[in-house]
């Protein structure tokens, strides 16, 4: 448990250094939910940091955050999503069929 908290703290510190929370009140970003930590790391940090997520969270939880938060952003995070699909989620041909289909599916769930 101590290792998990240390990794979470390290990732949160890196997110602050990258100014990932520029639009938030500083006091509200001292601790964040696991969901938001995963989301912000996937969006703002690099491969080594993403690897750390997989040490402290199950793959299916990270994939759920990715699907619900990043995939639906379409072209805005297209390159990031292709990279994550290939490297972490074993999706071999993510560009047209998979990511577009998942984006549409997720957006329809919210409608």
N, C-alpha and C. Protein backbone atom coordinates (compact mmCIF):
# COMPACT_ATOMS: atom_id res chain seq x y z
N UNK A 1 0.82 -1.20 0.00
CA UNK A 1 0.00 0.00 0.00
C UNK A 1 0.87 1.26 0.00
N UNK A 2 1.95 1.22 0.73
CA UNK A 2 2.85 2.37 0.79
C UNK A 2 3.43 2.69 -0.58
N UNK A 3 3.78 1.65 -1.33
CA UNK A 3 4.32 1.85 -2.67
C UNK A 3 3.29 2.50 -3.59
N UNK A 4 2.04 2.09 -3.48
CA UNK A 4 0.98 2.66 -4.30
C UNK A 4 0.83 4.15 -4.01
N UNK A 5 0.82 4.52 -2.75
CA UNK A 5 0.68 5.93 -2.37
C UNK A 5 1.89 6.75 -2.83
N UNK A 6 3.05 6.15 -2.77
CA UNK A 6 4.27 6.84 -3.23
C UNK A 6 4.18 7.11 -4.74
N UNK A 7 3.76 6.14 -5.51
CA UNK A 7 3.63 6.29 -6.96
C UNK A 7 2.56 7.34 -7.28
N UNK A 8 1.42 7.28 -6.58
CA UNK A 8 0.36 8.25 -6.81
C UNK A 8 0.86 9.67 -6.52
N UNK A 9 1.58 9.83 -5.44
CA UNK A 9 2.13 11.13 -5.07
C UNK A 9 3.11 11.64 -6.12
N UNK A 10 3.97 10.74 -6.60
CA UNK A 10 4.95 11.09 -7.64
C UNK A 10 4.24 11.52 -8.93
N UNK A 11 3.23 10.79 -9.33
CA UNK A 11 2.49 11.14 -10.54
C UNK A 11 1.75 12.47 -10.38
N UNK A 12 1.18 12.69 -9.23
CA UNK A 12 0.48 13.95 -8.97
C UNK A 12 1.46 15.12 -9.03
N UNK A 13 2.63 14.93 -8.47
CA UNK A 13 3.66 15.97 -8.52
C UNK A 13 4.06 16.29 -9.96
N UNK A 14 4.25 15.26 -10.77
CA UNK A 14 4.60 15.46 -12.18
C UNK A 14 3.49 16.19 -12.93
N UNK A 15 2.25 15.88 -12.61
CA UNK A 15 1.12 16.57 -13.24
C UNK A 15 1.12 18.06 -12.88
N UNK A 16 1.45 18.36 -11.62
CA UNK A 16 1.55 19.76 -11.21
C UNK A 16 2.68 20.46 -11.96
N UNK A 17 3.80 19.78 -12.12
CA UNK A 17 4.94 20.36 -12.84
C UNK A 17 4.61 20.62 -14.31
N UNK A 18 3.76 19.79 -14.89
CA UNK A 18 3.34 19.95 -16.29
C UNK A 18 2.18 20.94 -16.44
N UNK A 19 1.75 21.51 -15.31
CA UNK A 19 0.64 22.47 -15.30
C UNK A 19 -0.65 21.85 -15.86
N UNK A 20 -0.85 20.59 -15.55
CA UNK A 20 -2.05 19.89 -16.01
C UNK A 20 -3.32 20.44 -15.37
N UNK A 21 -3.16 21.11 -14.23
CA UNK A 21 -4.32 21.62 -13.51
C UNK A 21 -4.41 23.14 -13.60
N UNK A 22 -3.97 23.69 -14.68
CA UNK A 22 -3.92 25.15 -14.84
C UNK A 22 -5.27 25.83 -14.66
N UNK A 23 -6.34 25.15 -14.97
CA UNK A 23 -7.66 25.79 -14.88
C UNK A 23 -8.39 25.50 -13.57
N UNK A 24 -7.72 24.81 -12.65
CA UNK A 24 -8.35 24.44 -11.39
C UNK A 24 -7.79 25.28 -10.25
N UNK A 25 -8.56 25.44 -9.21
CA UNK A 25 -8.10 26.07 -7.99
C UNK A 25 -7.03 25.18 -7.38
N UNK A 26 -5.89 25.77 -6.99
CA UNK A 26 -4.77 24.97 -6.49
C UNK A 26 -5.15 24.08 -5.31
N UNK A 27 -5.96 24.57 -4.42
CA UNK A 27 -6.32 23.78 -3.24
C UNK A 27 -7.13 22.54 -3.60
N UNK A 28 -7.85 22.59 -4.72
CA UNK A 28 -8.67 21.44 -5.10
C UNK A 28 -7.87 20.34 -5.79
N UNK A 29 -6.60 20.60 -6.08
CA UNK A 29 -5.78 19.64 -6.82
C UNK A 29 -4.68 19.00 -5.98
N UNK A 30 -4.78 19.12 -4.69
CA UNK A 30 -3.78 18.49 -3.83
C UNK A 30 -3.98 16.98 -3.77
N UNK A 31 -5.23 16.57 -3.82
CA UNK A 31 -5.57 15.16 -3.95
C UNK A 31 -6.66 15.05 -5.00
N UNK A 32 -6.61 14.00 -5.79
CA UNK A 32 -7.62 13.79 -6.81
C UNK A 32 -8.05 12.33 -6.79
N UNK A 33 -9.17 12.05 -7.39
CA UNK A 33 -9.67 10.68 -7.44
C UNK A 33 -8.76 9.81 -8.30
N UNK A 34 -8.85 8.52 -8.12
CA UNK A 34 -8.09 7.58 -8.95
C UNK A 34 -8.45 7.77 -10.42
N UNK A 35 -9.75 7.95 -10.67
CA UNK A 35 -10.23 8.13 -12.05
C UNK A 35 -9.52 9.32 -12.70
N UNK A 36 -9.51 10.47 -12.02
CA UNK A 36 -8.88 11.66 -12.57
C UNK A 36 -7.37 11.54 -12.67
N UNK A 37 -6.76 10.86 -11.71
CA UNK A 37 -5.32 10.64 -11.80
C UNK A 37 -4.99 9.85 -13.07
N UNK A 38 -5.71 8.78 -13.30
CA UNK A 38 -5.49 7.97 -14.50
C UNK A 38 -5.71 8.83 -15.75
N UNK A 39 -6.81 9.55 -15.80
CA UNK A 39 -7.13 10.37 -16.97
C UNK A 39 -6.03 11.40 -17.25
N UNK A 40 -5.63 12.14 -16.23
CA UNK A 40 -4.62 13.19 -16.44
C UNK A 40 -3.25 12.61 -16.80
N UNK A 41 -2.89 11.47 -16.21
CA UNK A 41 -1.62 10.84 -16.57
C UNK A 41 -1.65 10.40 -18.02
N UNK A 42 -2.73 9.77 -18.45
CA UNK A 42 -2.83 9.32 -19.85
C UNK A 42 -2.74 10.50 -20.82
N UNK A 43 -3.28 11.62 -20.46
CA UNK A 43 -3.29 12.77 -21.35
C UNK A 43 -1.98 13.56 -21.31
N UNK A 44 -1.41 13.75 -20.12
CA UNK A 44 -0.33 14.73 -19.97
C UNK A 44 1.08 14.17 -19.76
N UNK A 45 1.18 12.92 -19.32
CA UNK A 45 2.52 12.43 -18.99
C UNK A 45 3.01 11.44 -20.03
N UNK A 46 4.24 10.97 -19.85
CA UNK A 46 4.88 10.14 -20.86
C UNK A 46 4.75 8.64 -20.56
N UNK A 47 5.33 7.86 -21.42
CA UNK A 47 5.22 6.39 -21.36
C UNK A 47 5.68 5.82 -20.02
N UNK A 48 6.80 6.31 -19.50
CA UNK A 48 7.30 5.79 -18.22
C UNK A 48 6.30 6.02 -17.09
N UNK A 49 5.64 7.16 -17.13
CA UNK A 49 4.63 7.46 -16.11
C UNK A 49 3.37 6.62 -16.30
N UNK A 50 2.99 6.41 -17.54
CA UNK A 50 1.84 5.55 -17.82
C UNK A 50 2.12 4.13 -17.36
N UNK A 51 3.35 3.68 -17.55
CA UNK A 51 3.74 2.36 -17.05
C UNK A 51 3.51 2.24 -15.55
N UNK A 52 3.76 3.33 -14.82
CA UNK A 52 3.54 3.31 -13.37
C UNK A 52 2.07 3.11 -13.02
N UNK A 53 1.18 3.64 -13.85
CA UNK A 53 -0.25 3.43 -13.61
C UNK A 53 -0.58 1.94 -13.56
N UNK A 54 0.04 1.17 -14.45
CA UNK A 54 -0.24 -0.26 -14.53
C UNK A 54 0.33 -1.03 -13.34
N UNK A 55 1.21 -0.39 -12.57
CA UNK A 55 1.72 -1.01 -11.34
C UNK A 55 0.75 -0.84 -10.18
N UNK A 56 -0.11 0.19 -10.27
CA UNK A 56 -0.98 0.47 -9.12
C UNK A 56 -2.47 0.30 -9.41
N UNK A 57 -2.84 0.17 -10.68
CA UNK A 57 -4.25 -0.03 -11.04
C UNK A 57 -4.37 -1.20 -12.00
N UNK A 58 -5.49 -1.90 -11.95
CA UNK A 58 -5.70 -2.99 -12.90
C UNK A 58 -5.90 -2.44 -14.33
N UNK A 59 -5.48 -3.22 -15.29
CA UNK A 59 -5.58 -2.83 -16.70
C UNK A 59 -7.01 -2.47 -17.08
N UNK A 60 -7.99 -3.24 -16.60
CA UNK A 60 -9.38 -2.96 -16.98
C UNK A 60 -9.87 -1.61 -16.46
N UNK A 61 -9.38 -1.17 -15.31
CA UNK A 61 -9.77 0.14 -14.78
C UNK A 61 -9.16 1.26 -15.63
N UNK A 62 -7.90 1.11 -16.01
CA UNK A 62 -7.23 2.10 -16.85
C UNK A 62 -7.91 2.15 -18.22
N UNK A 63 -8.23 0.99 -18.76
CA UNK A 63 -8.89 0.95 -20.07
C UNK A 63 -10.27 1.61 -20.01
N UNK A 64 -11.01 1.43 -18.92
CA UNK A 64 -12.32 2.06 -18.78
C UNK A 64 -12.19 3.58 -18.79
N UNK A 65 -11.22 4.11 -18.06
CA UNK A 65 -11.00 5.55 -18.05
C UNK A 65 -10.63 6.02 -19.46
N UNK A 66 -9.75 5.29 -20.10
CA UNK A 66 -9.34 5.63 -21.47
C UNK A 66 -10.56 5.67 -22.41
N UNK A 67 -11.38 4.64 -22.34
CA UNK A 67 -12.55 4.56 -23.22
C UNK A 67 -13.53 5.70 -22.94
N UNK A 68 -13.80 5.96 -21.67
CA UNK A 68 -14.82 6.94 -21.30
C UNK A 68 -14.35 8.38 -21.40
N UNK A 69 -13.07 8.62 -21.28
CA UNK A 69 -12.57 9.99 -21.22
C UNK A 69 -11.76 10.42 -22.44
N UNK A 70 -10.93 9.53 -22.99
CA UNK A 70 -10.02 9.93 -24.06
C UNK A 70 -10.54 9.56 -25.44
N UNK A 71 -11.04 8.36 -25.60
CA UNK A 71 -11.49 7.90 -26.92
C UNK A 71 -12.59 8.80 -27.46
N UNK A 72 -13.47 9.26 -26.60
CA UNK A 72 -14.59 10.08 -27.07
C UNK A 72 -14.14 11.46 -27.56
N UNK A 73 -12.90 11.84 -27.31
CA UNK A 73 -12.44 13.15 -27.74
C UNK A 73 -11.96 13.16 -29.19
N UNK A 74 -12.07 12.03 -29.86
CA UNK A 74 -11.84 11.95 -31.30
C UNK A 74 -10.51 12.50 -31.76
N UNK A 75 -10.55 13.40 -32.74
CA UNK A 75 -9.34 13.92 -33.37
C UNK A 75 -8.43 14.67 -32.40
N UNK A 76 -8.99 15.27 -31.38
CA UNK A 76 -8.19 16.03 -30.42
C UNK A 76 -7.09 15.17 -29.80
N UNK A 77 -7.41 13.92 -29.46
CA UNK A 77 -6.43 13.01 -28.84
C UNK A 77 -6.14 11.81 -29.75
N UNK A 78 -6.31 11.98 -31.03
CA UNK A 78 -6.17 10.87 -31.98
C UNK A 78 -4.82 10.15 -31.85
N UNK A 79 -3.72 10.89 -31.90
CA UNK A 79 -2.40 10.26 -31.84
C UNK A 79 -2.15 9.59 -30.49
N UNK A 80 -2.59 10.24 -29.43
CA UNK A 80 -2.46 9.65 -28.10
C UNK A 80 -3.25 8.34 -28.03
N UNK A 81 -4.47 8.35 -28.54
CA UNK A 81 -5.30 7.15 -28.50
C UNK A 81 -4.72 6.01 -29.33
N UNK A 82 -4.16 6.33 -30.48
CA UNK A 82 -3.53 5.30 -31.30
C UNK A 82 -2.36 4.68 -30.54
N UNK A 83 -1.55 5.52 -29.93
CA UNK A 83 -0.41 5.03 -29.16
C UNK A 83 -0.86 4.14 -28.00
N UNK A 84 -1.83 4.61 -27.22
CA UNK A 84 -2.32 3.83 -26.09
C UNK A 84 -2.95 2.52 -26.54
N UNK A 85 -3.72 2.57 -27.62
CA UNK A 85 -4.35 1.35 -28.13
C UNK A 85 -3.32 0.30 -28.51
N UNK A 86 -2.27 0.73 -29.19
CA UNK A 86 -1.22 -0.20 -29.63
C UNK A 86 -0.36 -0.71 -28.48
N UNK A 87 0.09 0.20 -27.62
CA UNK A 87 1.05 -0.17 -26.58
C UNK A 87 0.45 -0.87 -25.38
N UNK A 88 -0.76 -0.47 -24.98
CA UNK A 88 -1.28 -0.94 -23.70
C UNK A 88 -2.51 -1.83 -23.79
N UNK A 89 -3.28 -1.70 -24.85
CA UNK A 89 -4.55 -2.41 -24.88
C UNK A 89 -4.64 -3.43 -26.00
N UNK A 90 -3.51 -3.75 -26.61
CA UNK A 90 -3.40 -4.83 -27.60
C UNK A 90 -4.40 -4.69 -28.75
N UNK A 91 -4.65 -3.47 -29.17
CA UNK A 91 -5.53 -3.21 -30.30
C UNK A 91 -4.63 -2.93 -31.49
N UNK A 92 -4.55 -3.88 -32.40
CA UNK A 92 -3.54 -3.83 -33.46
C UNK A 92 -3.84 -2.86 -34.59
N UNK A 93 -5.09 -2.62 -34.90
CA UNK A 93 -5.46 -1.72 -35.99
C UNK A 93 -6.47 -0.70 -35.46
N UNK A 94 -6.00 0.24 -34.63
CA UNK A 94 -6.95 1.10 -33.93
C UNK A 94 -7.47 2.29 -34.73
N UNK A 95 -6.83 2.64 -35.82
CA UNK A 95 -7.10 3.95 -36.40
C UNK A 95 -8.54 4.12 -36.86
N UNK A 96 -8.93 3.50 -37.92
CA UNK A 96 -10.26 3.76 -38.46
C UNK A 96 -11.33 2.93 -37.76
N UNK A 97 -11.25 1.63 -37.85
CA UNK A 97 -12.42 0.89 -37.36
C UNK A 97 -12.62 0.99 -35.86
N UNK A 98 -11.60 0.73 -35.07
CA UNK A 98 -11.80 0.58 -33.64
C UNK A 98 -12.08 1.91 -32.94
N UNK A 99 -11.17 2.87 -33.05
CA UNK A 99 -11.33 4.12 -32.31
C UNK A 99 -12.58 4.88 -32.74
N UNK A 100 -12.86 4.92 -34.02
CA UNK A 100 -14.04 5.63 -34.49
C UNK A 100 -15.32 4.95 -33.99
N UNK A 101 -15.32 3.63 -34.05
CA UNK A 101 -16.48 2.87 -33.57
C UNK A 101 -16.69 3.08 -32.07
N UNK A 102 -15.60 3.06 -31.30
CA UNK A 102 -15.71 3.26 -29.86
C UNK A 102 -16.11 4.69 -29.53
N UNK A 103 -15.59 5.66 -30.26
CA UNK A 103 -15.98 7.05 -30.05
C UNK A 103 -17.49 7.22 -30.25
N UNK A 104 -18.00 6.69 -31.34
CA UNK A 104 -19.43 6.78 -31.65
C UNK A 104 -20.25 6.06 -30.59
N UNK A 105 -19.83 4.87 -30.21
CA UNK A 105 -20.53 4.08 -29.21
C UNK A 105 -20.61 4.83 -27.88
N UNK A 106 -19.48 5.37 -27.43
CA UNK A 106 -19.44 6.08 -26.14
C UNK A 106 -20.28 7.35 -26.19
N UNK A 107 -20.20 8.07 -27.27
CA UNK A 107 -21.00 9.30 -27.39
C UNK A 107 -22.49 8.99 -27.40
N UNK A 108 -22.87 7.89 -28.03
CA UNK A 108 -24.29 7.49 -28.05
C UNK A 108 -24.78 7.09 -26.66
N UNK A 109 -23.88 6.58 -25.83
CA UNK A 109 -24.27 6.22 -24.46
C UNK A 109 -24.66 7.44 -23.65
N UNK A 110 -24.00 8.55 -23.93
CA UNK A 110 -24.27 9.78 -23.17
C UNK A 110 -25.46 10.54 -23.73
N UNK A 111 -25.92 10.18 -24.92
CA UNK A 111 -27.03 10.93 -25.54
C UNK A 111 -28.37 10.55 -24.94
